[in-house]
Amino acid sequence: MQVVQDLFGARQPDQPQELVVELTIQPGGTVGARLRSYPGLSRTILDPLRLELMGLPCPIIEGGTVTFEAYFLVWADLMTLH
């Protein structure tokens, strides 16, 4: 939650952004993350978020890679982040 507040707290409420997070978990625990946003968040926001996501503990998997996507609508109003 602190990462979200730090990165998105200064956004204006009239500037909604769509954020797409794609995570890939490899056998052995390696995590990859790709982030896309529309109309477009700056790299100064996306790069730290990507690094935070890649550092999260992940489940142990065997037999192949697991990839999934999550879609978020990001607003500056902190009340909508809870």
N, C-alpha and C. Protein backbone atom coordinates (compact mmCIF):
# COMPACT_ATOMS: atom_id res chain seq x y z
N MET A 1 0.82 -1.19 0.00
CA MET A 1 0.00 0.00 0.00
C MET A 1 0.87 1.26 0.00
N GLN A 2 1.99 1.21 0.74
CA GLN A 2 2.87 2.37 0.80
C GLN A 2 3.47 2.68 -0.57
N VAL A 3 3.83 1.65 -1.31
CA VAL A 3 4.38 1.86 -2.66
C VAL A 3 3.34 2.55 -3.54
N VAL A 4 2.10 2.10 -3.48
CA VAL A 4 1.03 2.70 -4.29
C VAL A 4 0.83 4.16 -3.89
N GLN A 5 0.79 4.45 -2.59
CA GLN A 5 0.61 5.83 -2.16
C GLN A 5 1.78 6.71 -2.59
N ASP A 6 3.01 6.17 -2.47
CA ASP A 6 4.19 6.95 -2.87
C ASP A 6 4.20 7.26 -4.36
N LEU A 7 3.83 6.28 -5.16
CA LEU A 7 3.92 6.45 -6.62
C LEU A 7 2.73 7.16 -7.23
N PHE A 8 1.53 6.96 -6.67
CA PHE A 8 0.32 7.49 -7.31
C PHE A 8 -0.36 8.59 -6.51
N GLY A 9 0.10 8.88 -5.30
CA GLY A 9 -0.56 9.85 -4.45
C GLY A 9 -0.60 11.26 -5.00
N ALA A 10 0.35 11.63 -5.83
CA ALA A 10 0.40 13.00 -6.37
C ALA A 10 -0.41 13.18 -7.65
N ARG A 11 -0.99 12.12 -8.17
CA ARG A 11 -1.78 12.23 -9.40
C ARG A 11 -3.05 13.02 -9.13
N GLN A 12 -3.49 13.77 -10.10
CA GLN A 12 -4.71 14.56 -9.97
C GLN A 12 -5.93 13.66 -10.22
N PRO A 13 -7.04 13.87 -9.49
CA PRO A 13 -8.22 13.01 -9.64
C PRO A 13 -8.80 13.03 -11.05
N ASP A 14 -8.56 14.07 -11.81
CA ASP A 14 -9.10 14.13 -13.17
C ASP A 14 -8.16 13.50 -14.19
N GLN A 15 -7.15 12.78 -13.72
CA GLN A 15 -6.19 12.13 -14.61
C GLN A 15 -6.17 10.61 -14.39
N PRO A 16 -7.27 9.94 -14.63
CA PRO A 16 -7.26 8.49 -14.44
C PRO A 16 -6.32 7.82 -15.44
N GLN A 17 -5.74 6.74 -15.03
CA GLN A 17 -4.85 5.97 -15.87
C GLN A 17 -5.25 4.50 -15.79
N GLU A 18 -5.13 3.82 -16.91
CA GLU A 18 -5.30 2.36 -16.90
C GLU A 18 -3.91 1.76 -16.77
N LEU A 19 -3.75 0.83 -15.84
CA LEU A 19 -2.47 0.18 -15.61
C LEU A 19 -2.65 -1.32 -15.81
N VAL A 20 -1.82 -1.90 -16.67
CA VAL A 20 -1.83 -3.34 -16.92
C VAL A 20 -0.53 -3.91 -16.37
N VAL A 21 -0.64 -4.89 -15.48
CA VAL A 21 0.51 -5.54 -14.88
C VAL A 21 0.54 -6.98 -15.36
N GLU A 22 1.63 -7.38 -16.00
CA GLU A 22 1.81 -8.77 -16.43
C GLU A 22 2.97 -9.35 -15.63
N LEU A 23 2.68 -10.40 -14.88
CA LEU A 23 3.71 -11.06 -14.10
C LEU A 23 3.97 -12.45 -14.65
N THR A 24 5.23 -12.83 -14.68
CA THR A 24 5.64 -14.16 -15.12
C THR A 24 6.47 -14.78 -14.01
N ILE A 25 6.07 -15.97 -13.58
CA ILE A 25 6.80 -16.70 -12.55
C ILE A 25 7.42 -17.93 -13.20
N GLN A 26 8.73 -18.04 -13.05
CA GLN A 26 9.47 -19.17 -13.61
C GLN A 26 9.70 -20.22 -12.53
N PRO A 27 9.81 -21.50 -12.91
CA PRO A 27 10.23 -22.50 -11.93
C PRO A 27 11.55 -22.05 -11.31
N GLY A 28 11.68 -22.19 -10.02
CA GLY A 28 12.87 -21.71 -9.34
C GLY A 28 12.67 -20.36 -8.68
N GLY A 29 11.53 -19.71 -8.92
CA GLY A 29 11.20 -18.49 -8.20
C GLY A 29 11.55 -17.18 -8.86
N THR A 30 12.00 -17.18 -10.10
CA THR A 30 12.29 -15.93 -10.79
C THR A 30 10.99 -15.27 -11.22
N VAL A 31 10.86 -13.97 -10.95
CA VAL A 31 9.65 -13.22 -11.30
C VAL A 31 10.02 -12.15 -12.32
N GLY A 32 9.25 -12.09 -13.39
CA GLY A 32 9.39 -11.02 -14.38
C GLY A 32 8.13 -10.17 -14.37
N ALA A 33 8.27 -8.89 -14.64
CA ALA A 33 7.10 -8.00 -14.64
C ALA A 33 7.19 -7.06 -15.83
N ARG A 34 6.03 -6.91 -16.50
CA ARG A 34 5.88 -5.91 -17.56
C ARG A 34 4.71 -5.03 -17.19
N LEU A 35 4.88 -3.73 -17.35
CA LEU A 35 3.82 -2.79 -17.03
C LEU A 35 3.50 -1.95 -18.25
N ARG A 36 2.21 -1.74 -18.48
CA ARG A 36 1.75 -0.85 -19.55
C ARG A 36 0.70 0.06 -18.95
N SER A 37 0.64 1.29 -19.43
CA SER A 37 -0.38 2.21 -18.93
C SER A 37 -0.93 3.04 -20.07
N TYR A 38 -2.17 3.45 -19.89
CA TYR A 38 -2.87 4.25 -20.90
C TYR A 38 -3.61 5.37 -20.18
N PRO A 39 -3.48 6.59 -20.53
CA PRO A 39 -2.78 7.12 -21.69
C PRO A 39 -1.27 7.11 -21.55
N GLY A 40 -0.72 6.88 -20.39
CA GLY A 40 0.73 6.72 -20.28
C GLY A 40 1.31 7.32 -19.02
N LEU A 41 1.66 6.47 -18.06
CA LEU A 41 2.38 6.91 -16.87
C LEU A 41 3.86 7.01 -17.20
N SER A 42 4.56 7.87 -16.50
CA SER A 42 5.99 8.07 -16.79
C SER A 42 6.81 6.87 -16.30
N ARG A 43 7.97 6.71 -16.88
CA ARG A 43 8.89 5.63 -16.47
C ARG A 43 9.33 5.83 -15.03
N THR A 44 9.35 7.08 -14.53
CA THR A 44 9.74 7.33 -13.14
C THR A 44 8.74 6.72 -12.17
N ILE A 45 7.53 6.46 -12.62
CA ILE A 45 6.54 5.76 -11.80
C ILE A 45 6.58 4.27 -12.08
N LEU A 46 6.61 3.90 -13.36
CA LEU A 46 6.51 2.48 -13.72
C LEU A 46 7.74 1.66 -13.34
N ASP A 47 8.93 2.22 -13.50
CA ASP A 47 10.14 1.45 -13.22
C ASP A 47 10.26 1.05 -11.75
N PRO A 48 10.06 1.97 -10.78
CA PRO A 48 10.11 1.54 -9.38
C PRO A 48 9.02 0.52 -9.03
N LEU A 49 7.83 0.69 -9.61
CA LEU A 49 6.76 -0.26 -9.35
C LEU A 49 7.12 -1.64 -9.89
N ARG A 50 7.70 -1.69 -11.07
CA ARG A 50 8.13 -2.97 -11.66
C ARG A 50 9.16 -3.65 -10.77
N LEU A 51 10.12 -2.90 -10.26
CA LEU A 51 11.15 -3.47 -9.38
C LEU A 51 10.54 -3.99 -8.07
N GLU A 52 9.59 -3.25 -7.51
CA GLU A 52 8.90 -3.71 -6.29
C GLU A 52 8.18 -5.03 -6.55
N LEU A 53 7.48 -5.11 -7.67
CA LEU A 53 6.74 -6.34 -8.00
C LEU A 53 7.67 -7.52 -8.20
N MET A 54 8.80 -7.28 -8.85
CA MET A 54 9.75 -8.36 -9.09
C MET A 54 10.39 -8.85 -7.80
N GLY A 55 10.38 -8.02 -6.75
CA GLY A 55 10.98 -8.40 -5.48
C GLY A 55 10.03 -9.09 -4.52
N LEU A 56 8.76 -9.21 -4.88
CA LEU A 56 7.80 -9.86 -4.00
C LEU A 56 8.04 -11.37 -3.95
N PRO A 57 7.80 -11.99 -2.79
CA PRO A 57 7.90 -13.45 -2.74
C PRO A 57 6.81 -14.07 -3.62
N CYS A 58 7.14 -15.17 -4.24
CA CYS A 58 6.18 -15.82 -5.13
C CYS A 58 6.04 -17.29 -4.77
N PRO A 59 4.96 -17.89 -5.24
CA PRO A 59 4.78 -19.33 -4.96
C PRO A 59 5.81 -20.15 -5.73
N ILE A 60 6.12 -21.30 -5.19
CA ILE A 60 7.02 -22.24 -5.86
C ILE A 60 6.21 -23.00 -6.90
N ILE A 61 6.66 -22.96 -8.13
CA ILE A 61 5.96 -23.69 -9.19
C ILE A 61 6.92 -24.69 -9.84
N GLU A 62 6.35 -25.71 -10.44
CA GLU A 62 7.13 -26.72 -11.15
C GLU A 62 6.45 -27.00 -12.48
N GLY A 63 7.21 -27.44 -13.44
CA GLY A 63 6.64 -27.91 -14.68
C GLY A 63 6.39 -26.86 -15.74
N GLY A 64 6.68 -25.61 -15.49
CA GLY A 64 6.47 -24.60 -16.52
C GLY A 64 6.26 -23.22 -15.94
N THR A 65 6.20 -22.27 -16.83
CA THR A 65 6.05 -20.88 -16.46
C THR A 65 4.58 -20.52 -16.27
N VAL A 66 4.30 -19.66 -15.31
CA VAL A 66 2.96 -19.14 -15.09
C VAL A 66 2.98 -17.65 -15.39
N THR A 67 2.07 -17.20 -16.25
CA THR A 67 1.96 -15.79 -16.59
C THR A 67 0.51 -15.35 -16.41
N PHE A 68 0.33 -14.17 -15.82
CA PHE A 68 -1.03 -13.62 -15.68
C PHE A 68 -0.98 -12.11 -15.77
N GLU A 69 -2.14 -11.53 -16.11
CA GLU A 69 -2.27 -10.08 -16.21
C GLU A 69 -3.35 -9.60 -15.25
N ALA A 70 -3.15 -8.39 -14.75
CA ALA A 70 -4.15 -7.73 -13.92
C ALA A 70 -4.32 -6.32 -14.46
N TYR A 71 -5.56 -5.84 -14.48
CA TYR A 71 -5.89 -4.51 -14.99
C TYR A 71 -6.37 -3.65 -13.82
N PHE A 72 -5.85 -2.42 -13.75
CA PHE A 72 -6.22 -1.49 -12.69
C PHE A 72 -6.56 -0.14 -13.28
N LEU A 73 -7.51 0.54 -12.68
CA LEU A 73 -7.78 1.93 -12.99
C LEU A 73 -7.22 2.74 -11.83
N VAL A 74 -6.25 3.60 -12.12
CA VAL A 74 -5.53 4.35 -11.09
C VAL A 74 -6.04 5.78 -11.06
N TRP A 75 -6.42 6.23 -9.88
CA TRP A 75 -6.84 7.62 -9.67
C TRP A 75 -5.95 8.24 -8.63
N ALA A 76 -5.86 9.55 -8.60
CA ALA A 76 -5.03 10.25 -7.62
C ALA A 76 -5.70 10.32 -6.26
N ASP A 77 -7.01 10.31 -6.19
CA ASP A 77 -7.72 10.42 -4.94
C ASP A 77 -7.40 9.20 -4.08
N LEU A 78 -6.72 9.38 -2.96
CA LEU A 78 -6.32 8.25 -2.13
C LEU A 78 -7.50 7.45 -1.60
N MET A 79 -8.67 8.06 -1.54
CA MET A 79 -9.83 7.31 -1.08
C MET A 79 -10.17 6.17 -2.04
N THR A 80 -9.85 6.32 -3.32
CA THR A 80 -10.16 5.27 -4.27
C THR A 80 -9.10 4.18 -4.29
N LEU A 81 -7.97 4.39 -3.59
CA LEU A 81 -6.91 3.39 -3.56
C LEU A 81 -7.12 2.36 -2.46
N HIS A 82 -8.08 2.55 -1.58
CA HIS A 82 -8.32 1.62 -0.48
C HIS A 82 -9.29 0.55 -0.89
